[in-house]
Amino acid sequence: MLSSIDYSHVPALDPPRGVSANFIDPPTIACSVLEVSLPLSVVSAAFVVVRVYTRWRIMKSMGWNDLFLGIGIVLSWVFCALGIIEVQYGYGVDIWNVYTTDVINFLKLDLASQIVYHLALLATKISILVTLLRLDSNPNRSSAFRVSVFCIMAFTSIYSLTSIFIAIFGCSPIYAACDIRIENAKCVDKAAYWYVYAACNIVSSWSIFGLGLAVGIRKGLFGRSVRNGVRWCAAFVVAVGTFVCVVSIVRLGIMVPHLHSENFTKFKVYVARWCEIELTSALILSSLLPLYPVLTTMLPARFPPLSTHNQPLSSAPCRSRKMSVSASTASQSSIPMSCVSSRRDISLEEIEVGLTGHGDSGSAGGASGGLGERRVLGGSVGKKGAVVKTVVYDVKYEA
């Protein structure tokens, strides 16, 4: 029955009462697609290019976070390109001014756009989470922070992939999601679908933002001793992260009034604009932290390495060691020594070391038999009364 009708000249929907259909020169808001998508895509690409250059040429350390970010920026450009292609099929035009075949093609492209958007945002969030793992200085793989990162990563992946699955297979028959000619098709409630996805996306965004704040606090980026340049950089990162989280809420607010509207060819433009803003800001956020070495290289006085922010500026190198003493008549014992501090330009001479002897009653030092020993730092073996000493050094340099 469908094949006997030429739907290329059949309106997709009857116009509202008092409105006449216009198929020749219909009013459109498609220009807003170009006004938002192209500039934001260029800005995000610029940040990603500088980040890749930093990681590749300056830090010489590419990682999985760079791979996921590359996937995210490529998919963001695909999302932008699909939006531009949709314009010729009624994107931004009232649906009663569009023919049925154009709406079918529009829905196919819109489905592809949804899939690309979900994957792009997922890849970008995974890139941010992997970056947080690299910035975490805790070597314990079972720490609460690392467990939280992997839990949020799993949560984000599950709801994103589930959303893609529902978008593709949410109707029965399956192709009813893209073909408005099919009657009596059963589909998932679109309003409930978008509410659940938006809620999960908001929770994911704020959770990632909280983990980022935890890393900044742990590294001392918000302390009083931090230089102004570093403080401004940290404030900018926090501002961008907050903006990403707020946009995810705004996008839901923009979408709610149109969830039950049949004029989807027009209202999807408003939603797509905020999707583009959210994706671009997430890409910029993922690129910011690895860009800090560029500032460190160009302006080292104002932007010192991150590893020095949580340490006192006037500290000196500290060498702490433990000395094990063993004798033929006594068991081994471990004696902690006091911390020896010195600057690098001062040579370390000999240190008086007090050892507690076991079984040497003739030694000067009281009833405990303390032995006076002169010791040169850096040596490993000394002799005094058949006593053999092993020195283990733990060296920690502080700026």
Protein backbone atom coordinates (compact mmCIF):
# COMPACT_ATOMS: atom_id res chain seq x y z
CA MET A 1 0.00 0.00 0.00
CA LEU A 2 2.90 2.33 0.86
CA SER A 3 4.61 1.81 -2.50
CA SER A 4 1.53 2.94 -4.48
CA ILE A 5 1.73 6.47 -3.09
CA ASP A 6 4.30 9.06 -4.05
CA TYR A 7 5.27 10.38 -0.63
CA SER A 8 7.75 12.84 -2.08
CA HIS A 9 4.82 15.24 -2.54
CA VAL A 10 2.79 14.31 0.53
CA PRO A 11 3.09 16.62 3.56
CA ALA A 12 4.49 14.91 6.63
CA LEU A 13 1.85 16.52 8.86
CA ASP A 14 -1.20 18.71 8.46
CA PRO A 15 -0.57 22.32 9.51
CA PRO A 16 -2.30 23.73 12.61
CA ARG A 17 -5.59 25.55 12.20
CA GLY A 18 -5.08 28.95 10.63
CA VAL A 19 -1.62 28.10 9.27
CA SER A 20 -0.90 27.45 5.60
CA ALA A 21 1.80 25.04 4.50
CA ASN A 22 4.72 26.53 2.61
CA PHE A 23 6.86 24.11 0.62
CA ILE A 24 8.55 26.68 -1.62
CA ASP A 25 10.26 29.06 0.80
CA PRO A 26 9.43 27.97 4.35
CA PRO A 27 10.79 29.91 7.34
CA THR A 28 13.71 28.13 8.95
CA ILE A 29 16.14 28.42 11.84
CA ALA A 30 18.71 26.18 10.18
CA CYS A 31 21.25 29.01 10.14
CA SER A 32 21.66 28.55 13.90
CA VAL A 33 23.11 25.11 13.18
CA LEU A 34 26.01 26.71 11.30
CA GLU A 35 26.30 29.60 13.76
CA VAL A 36 26.86 27.25 16.69
CA SER A 37 28.26 23.98 15.35
CA LEU A 38 31.09 25.21 13.13
CA PRO A 39 32.67 27.79 15.48
CA LEU A 40 32.50 25.45 18.47
CA SER A 41 33.96 22.58 16.47
CA VAL A 42 36.87 24.78 15.39
CA VAL A 43 37.51 25.93 18.98
CA SER A 44 37.47 22.39 20.38
CA ALA A 45 39.75 21.18 17.58
CA ALA A 46 42.25 23.96 18.37
CA PHE A 47 42.43 22.93 22.03
CA VAL A 48 42.84 19.27 21.12
CA VAL A 49 45.62 20.02 18.60
CA VAL A 50 47.58 22.01 21.20
CA ARG A 51 47.06 19.24 23.73
CA VAL A 52 48.30 16.55 21.34
CA TYR A 53 51.34 18.70 20.51
CA THR A 54 52.05 19.12 24.23
CA ARG A 55 51.79 15.43 24.96
CA TRP A 56 53.74 14.36 21.90
CA ARG A 57 56.51 16.95 21.61
CA ILE A 58 56.95 18.40 25.11
CA MET A 59 55.95 15.64 27.51
CA LYS A 60 56.76 12.88 25.00
CA SER A 61 54.16 10.68 26.63
CA MET A 62 51.02 9.71 24.74
CA GLY A 63 48.42 7.62 26.54
CA TRP A 64 44.96 6.11 26.36
CA ASN A 65 43.39 9.42 27.36
CA ASP A 66 44.82 10.96 24.19
CA LEU A 67 43.35 8.16 22.09
CA PHE A 68 39.87 8.58 23.58
CA LEU A 69 40.10 12.34 23.17
CA GLY A 70 41.04 11.87 19.51
CA ILE A 71 37.99 9.65 19.04
CA GLY A 72 35.85 12.29 20.75
CA ILE A 73 37.01 15.17 18.53
CA VAL A 74 36.57 13.13 15.34
CA LEU A 75 33.04 12.13 16.35
CA SER A 76 32.22 15.72 17.29
CA TRP A 77 33.07 16.80 13.74
CA VAL A 78 30.94 13.95 12.39
CA PHE A 79 28.09 15.19 14.60
CA CYS A 80 28.55 18.69 13.18
CA ALA A 81 28.62 17.40 9.59
CA LEU A 82 25.45 15.35 10.07
CA GLY A 83 23.64 18.43 11.37
CA ILE A 84 24.64 20.38 8.27
CA ILE A 85 23.46 17.56 5.99
CA GLU A 86 20.12 17.38 7.79
CA VAL A 87 19.37 20.97 6.78
CA GLN A 88 18.45 19.92 3.25
CA TYR A 89 15.88 17.47 4.66
CA GLY A 90 13.91 19.94 6.74
CA TYR A 91 16.17 20.51 9.74
CA GLY A 92 14.96 23.72 11.38
CA VAL A 93 11.72 23.86 9.35
CA ASP A 94 8.23 23.28 10.73
CA ILE A 95 7.25 19.69 9.97
CA TRP A 96 4.07 20.67 8.11
CA ASN A 97 6.30 22.43 5.58
CA VAL A 98 8.29 19.26 4.87
CA TYR A 99 7.39 16.33 2.63
CA THR A 100 7.15 12.82 4.04
CA THR A 101 10.20 11.41 2.23
CA ASP A 102 12.34 14.28 3.50
CA VAL A 103 11.19 13.64 7.06
CA ILE A 104 12.10 9.94 6.71
CA ASN A 105 15.59 10.86 5.54
CA PHE A 106 15.83 13.42 8.33
CA LEU A 107 14.96 10.81 10.96
CA LYS A 108 17.62 8.45 9.62
CA LEU A 109 20.26 11.14 9.85
CA ASP A 110 18.97 12.18 13.26
CA LEU A 111 19.33 8.61 14.51
CA ALA A 112 22.92 8.57 13.27
CA SER A 113 23.50 11.92 15.01
CA GLN A 114 22.22 10.55 18.32
CA ILE A 115 24.55 7.56 18.10
CA VAL A 116 27.54 9.74 17.22
CA TYR A 117 26.74 12.20 20.00
CA HIS A 118 26.49 9.48 22.66
CA LEU A 119 29.78 7.92 21.53
CA ALA A 120 31.58 11.29 21.33
CA LEU A 121 30.51 12.33 24.83
CA LEU A 122 31.35 8.86 26.19
CA ALA A 123 34.85 8.93 24.67
CA THR A 124 35.46 12.44 26.01
CA LYS A 125 34.37 11.54 29.54
CA ILE A 126 36.53 8.42 29.51
CA SER A 127 39.46 10.59 28.41
CA ILE A 128 38.88 12.89 31.39
CA LEU A 129 38.66 9.95 33.80
CA VAL A 130 41.86 8.36 32.46
CA THR A 131 43.59 11.74 32.81
CA LEU A 132 42.50 11.89 36.46
CA LEU A 133 43.99 8.43 36.98
CA ARG A 134 47.30 9.63 35.54
CA LEU A 135 47.28 12.70 37.78
CA ASP A 136 46.55 10.66 40.90
CA SER A 137 49.79 10.17 42.83
CA ASN A 138 48.53 7.30 44.98
CA PRO A 139 50.29 4.08 43.84
CA ASN A 140 47.72 1.91 45.62
CA ARG A 141 45.56 0.37 42.89
CA SER A 142 42.80 -0.43 45.38
CA SER A 143 42.48 3.13 46.70
CA ALA A 144 39.02 4.63 47.06
CA PHE A 145 39.79 7.24 44.41
CA ARG A 146 40.76 4.72 41.73
CA VAL A 147 37.76 2.53 42.56
CA SER A 148 35.50 5.58 42.24
CA VAL A 149 37.01 6.46 38.85
CA PHE A 150 36.43 2.99 37.46
CA CYS A 151 32.90 2.86 38.88
CA ILE A 152 31.97 6.15 37.21
CA MET A 153 33.63 4.98 34.00
CA ALA A 154 31.54 1.81 34.04
CA PHE A 155 28.36 3.74 34.88
CA THR A 156 28.94 6.23 32.05
CA SER A 157 29.67 3.46 29.55
CA ILE A 158 26.60 1.45 30.54
CA TYR A 159 24.03 4.24 30.27
CA SER A 160 25.58 5.62 27.06
CA LEU A 161 25.63 2.26 25.29
CA THR A 162 22.15 1.46 26.61
CA SER A 163 20.88 4.75 25.17
CA ILE A 164 22.34 3.85 21.78
CA PHE A 165 20.72 0.42 21.93
CA ILE A 166 17.31 1.91 22.76
CA ALA A 167 17.64 4.54 20.04
CA ILE A 168 18.23 1.82 17.44
CA PHE A 169 15.95 -0.96 18.68
CA GLY A 170 13.38 1.10 20.58
CA CYS A 171 10.52 0.46 18.12
CA SER A 172 8.74 -2.59 16.84
CA PRO A 173 9.22 -2.98 13.94
CA ILE A 174 12.73 -1.55 14.21
CA TYR A 175 12.53 0.68 11.14
CA ALA A 176 9.46 2.41 12.58
CA ALA A 177 11.88 4.71 14.43
CA CYS A 178 12.71 6.34 11.08
CA ASP A 179 9.51 5.84 9.09
CA ILE A 180 6.48 7.90 10.07
CA ARG A 181 4.33 6.07 7.52
CA ILE A 182 4.13 2.93 9.67
CA GLU A 183 0.96 2.81 11.71
CA ASN A 184 0.37 0.95 14.99
CA ALA A 185 4.11 0.79 15.70
CA LYS A 186 5.11 0.24 19.33
CA CYS A 187 8.00 2.39 20.55
CA VAL A 188 9.66 3.19 23.84
CA ASP A 189 8.27 6.25 25.59
CA LYS A 190 10.56 8.98 24.25
CA ALA A 191 9.90 11.28 27.22
CA ALA A 192 10.90 8.63 29.76
CA TYR A 193 13.90 7.69 27.63
CA TRP A 194 15.26 11.24 27.53
CA TYR A 195 14.51 11.87 31.22
CA VAL A 196 16.51 8.81 32.29
CA TYR A 197 19.39 9.57 29.95
CA ALA A 198 19.57 13.21 31.01
CA ALA A 199 19.49 12.27 34.70
CA CYS A 200 22.30 9.73 34.25
CA ASN A 201 24.31 12.24 32.25
CA ILE A 202 23.94 14.89 34.95
CA VAL A 203 25.01 12.45 37.68
CA SER A 204 28.00 11.36 35.60
CA SER A 205 29.11 14.94 34.87
CA TRP A 206 28.93 16.09 38.49
CA SER A 207 30.69 12.94 39.70
CA ILE A 208 33.59 13.50 37.31
CA PHE A 209 33.72 17.14 38.40
CA GLY A 210 33.93 16.05 42.04
CA LEU A 211 36.79 13.66 41.29
CA GLY A 212 38.64 16.46 39.53
CA LEU A 213 38.26 18.69 42.59
CA ALA A 214 39.60 15.87 44.76
CA VAL A 215 42.74 15.63 42.60
CA GLY A 216 43.24 19.40 42.76
CA ILE A 217 42.89 19.46 46.55
CA ARG A 218 45.26 16.50 46.92
CA LYS A 219 47.88 18.28 44.81
CA GLY A 220 47.45 21.49 46.79
CA LEU A 221 46.29 23.62 43.86
CA PHE A 222 43.84 25.58 46.02
CA GLY A 223 46.16 26.45 48.91
CA ARG A 224 47.34 29.90 49.95
CA SER A 225 50.95 29.16 49.00
CA VAL A 226 50.03 28.59 45.34
CA ARG A 227 51.19 31.28 42.94
CA ASN A 228 48.61 33.49 41.26
CA GLY A 229 49.24 32.03 37.79
CA VAL A 230 48.57 28.50 39.00
CA ARG A 231 45.55 29.67 40.97
CA TRP A 232 44.05 31.31 37.88
CA CYS A 233 44.65 28.17 35.81
CA ALA A 234 42.96 26.02 38.46
CA ALA A 235 40.05 28.48 38.64
CA PHE A 236 39.62 28.35 34.86
CA VAL A 237 39.54 24.54 34.89
CA VAL A 238 36.96 24.58 37.70
CA ALA A 239 34.88 27.13 35.78
CA VAL A 240 34.87 25.02 32.61
CA GLY A 241 33.99 21.89 34.59
CA THR A 242 31.13 23.71 36.30
CA PHE A 243 29.93 24.97 32.92
CA VAL A 244 29.82 21.42 31.53
CA CYS A 245 27.69 20.27 34.45
CA VAL A 246 25.35 23.26 34.21
CA VAL A 247 24.90 22.79 30.45
CA SER A 248 23.79 19.19 30.99
CA ILE A 249 21.02 20.52 33.25
CA VAL A 250 20.08 23.36 30.87
CA ARG A 251 19.84 20.91 27.97
CA LEU A 252 17.28 18.89 29.91
CA GLY A 253 15.32 22.05 30.67
CA ILE A 254 15.30 23.01 26.98
CA MET A 255 14.15 19.54 25.97
CA VAL A 256 11.28 19.08 28.44
CA PRO A 257 8.72 21.41 26.75
CA HIS A 258 9.22 19.69 23.38
CA LEU A 259 9.27 16.02 24.41
CA HIS A 260 5.66 15.46 23.29
CA SER A 261 5.76 17.83 20.33
CA GLU A 262 5.22 16.51 16.81
CA ASN A 263 7.21 19.39 15.34
CA PHE A 264 10.51 17.60 15.96
CA THR A 265 12.19 18.87 12.78
CA LYS A 266 12.31 22.31 14.39
CA PHE A 267 12.72 21.78 18.13
CA LYS A 268 15.63 19.36 17.64
CA VAL A 269 17.68 22.35 16.52
CA TYR A 270 17.42 23.86 20.02
CA VAL A 271 18.44 20.58 21.62
CA ALA A 272 21.29 20.01 19.17
CA ARG A 273 22.76 23.43 19.91
CA TRP A 274 23.08 22.62 23.60
CA CYS A 275 24.41 19.17 22.78
CA GLU A 276 27.13 20.84 20.71
CA ILE A 277 27.92 23.27 23.54
CA GLU A 278 28.14 20.45 26.08
CA LEU A 279 30.35 18.32 23.85
CA THR A 280 32.68 21.22 23.01
CA SER A 281 33.10 22.30 26.63
CA ALA A 282 33.81 18.68 27.64
CA LEU A 283 36.49 18.42 24.93
CA ILE A 284 38.06 21.68 26.11
CA LEU A 285 38.02 20.48 29.72
CA SER A 286 39.71 17.24 28.74
CA SER A 287 42.45 19.23 26.99
CA LEU A 288 43.21 21.76 29.73
CA LEU A 289 45.20 19.80 32.32
CA PRO A 290 47.76 18.37 29.87
CA LEU A 291 48.29 21.91 28.52
CA TYR A 292 49.93 23.07 31.76
CA PRO A 293 53.45 21.90 30.70
CA VAL A 294 53.27 24.44 27.86
CA LEU A 295 52.95 27.24 30.42
CA THR A 296 55.67 25.64 32.54
CA THR A 297 58.01 25.61 29.55
CA MET A 298 57.23 29.16 28.40
CA LEU A 299 56.87 30.86 31.81
CA PRO A 300 58.58 28.67 34.43
CA ALA A 301 58.71 31.48 37.00
CA ARG A 302 54.94 31.98 37.04
CA PHE A 303 53.92 28.38 36.34
CA PRO A 304 56.18 25.96 38.24
CA PRO A 305 55.73 22.18 37.90
CA LEU A 306 52.64 20.78 39.58
CA SER A 307 54.74 18.46 41.75
CA THR A 308 56.08 21.43 43.73
CA HIS A 309 52.78 23.02 44.74
CA ASN A 310 52.09 20.83 47.74
CA GLN A 311 55.58 21.19 49.21
CA PRO A 312 57.14 24.07 51.19
CA LEU A 313 59.27 26.41 49.14
CA SER A 314 62.10 26.66 51.69
CA SER A 315 62.60 22.98 52.42
CA ALA A 316 65.96 21.37 51.89
CA PRO A 317 66.81 17.91 50.63
CA CYS A 318 66.31 15.41 53.39
CA ARG A 319 68.16 12.14 53.67
CA SER A 320 66.82 9.62 56.15
CA ARG A 321 68.28 6.22 56.71
CA LYS A 322 68.10 3.19 58.92
CA MET A 323 71.17 1.29 60.10
CA SER A 324 71.15 -2.42 60.78
CA VAL A 325 73.75 -3.66 63.24
CA SER A 326 74.74 -7.31 63.53
CA ALA A 327 77.40 -8.95 65.73
CA SER A 328 78.60 -12.48 66.24
CA THR A 329 77.16 -12.61 69.77
CA ALA A 330 73.86 -10.79 69.21
CA SER A 331 70.87 -10.81 66.89
CA GLN A 332 70.32 -8.07 64.28
CA SER A 333 68.62 -4.84 65.32
CA SER A 334 67.47 -1.80 63.38
CA ILE A 335 68.28 1.68 64.67
CA PRO A 336 66.65 4.70 63.03
CA MET A 337 68.95 7.64 62.55
CA SER A 338 68.05 11.30 62.70
CA CYS A 339 67.28 13.16 59.52
CA VAL A 340 70.29 14.83 57.92
CA SER A 341 69.52 17.89 55.81
CA SER A 342 71.80 19.82 53.50
CA ARG A 343 71.64 21.88 50.34
CA ARG A 344 73.08 20.44 47.14
CA ASP A 345 75.92 22.99 47.00
CA ILE A 346 77.24 22.01 50.47
CA SER A 347 79.37 18.90 50.69
CA LEU A 348 78.41 16.38 53.33
CA GLU A 349 81.32 15.48 55.58
CA GLU A 350 81.49 12.90 58.33
CA ILE A 351 78.68 12.28 60.78
CA GLU A 352 78.96 11.00 64.31
CA VAL A 353 76.79 7.91 64.60
CA GLY A 354 75.86 6.38 67.93
CA LEU A 355 75.39 2.62 67.88
CA THR A 356 74.00 0.56 70.67
CA GLY A 357 76.24 -2.42 71.25
CA HIS A 358 74.99 -5.78 72.48
CA GLY A 359 77.33 -7.84 74.58
CA ASP A 360 80.25 -5.28 74.67
CA SER A 361 80.56 -4.40 78.35
CA GLY A 362 83.88 -2.60 77.96
CA SER A 363 82.71 0.10 75.64
CA ALA A 364 82.41 3.74 76.69
CA GLY A 365 78.84 4.85 76.66
CA GLY A 366 77.24 3.60 79.85
CA ALA A 367 75.79 0.30 80.87
CA SER A 368 74.24 -0.21 77.48
CA GLY A 369 77.64 -0.30 75.83
CA GLY A 370 77.25 2.57 73.33
CA LEU A 371 79.96 2.59 70.66
CA GLY A 372 81.33 5.89 69.30
CA GLU A 373 81.74 5.59 65.51
CA ARG A 374 82.88 8.06 62.89
CA ARG A 375 81.09 7.45 59.61
CA VAL A 376 81.36 8.97 56.11
CA LEU A 377 77.99 9.44 54.34
CA GLY A 378 77.73 7.38 51.20
CA GLY A 379 79.72 4.42 52.49
CA SER A 380 78.18 1.03 53.08
CA VAL A 381 80.51 -0.81 55.46
CA GLY A 382 82.41 0.33 58.57
CA LYS A 383 84.35 -1.57 61.22
CA LYS A 384 84.50 -1.09 64.98
CA GLY A 385 84.77 -3.99 67.37
CA ALA A 386 83.79 -6.57 64.74
CA VAL A 387 80.53 -4.72 64.06
CA VAL A 388 79.25 -4.75 60.49
CA LYS A 389 76.77 -2.03 59.49
CA THR A 390 74.41 -1.89 56.49
CA VAL A 391 73.00 1.52 55.60
CA VAL A 392 69.77 1.95 53.62
CA TYR A 393 69.17 5.46 52.23
CA ASP A 394 65.77 7.01 51.49
CA VAL A 395 66.36 10.29 49.68
CA LYS A 396 63.53 12.79 49.30
CA TYR A 397 64.13 16.13 47.61
CA GLU A 398 61.85 19.03 48.36
CA ALA A 399 61.86 22.35 46.56
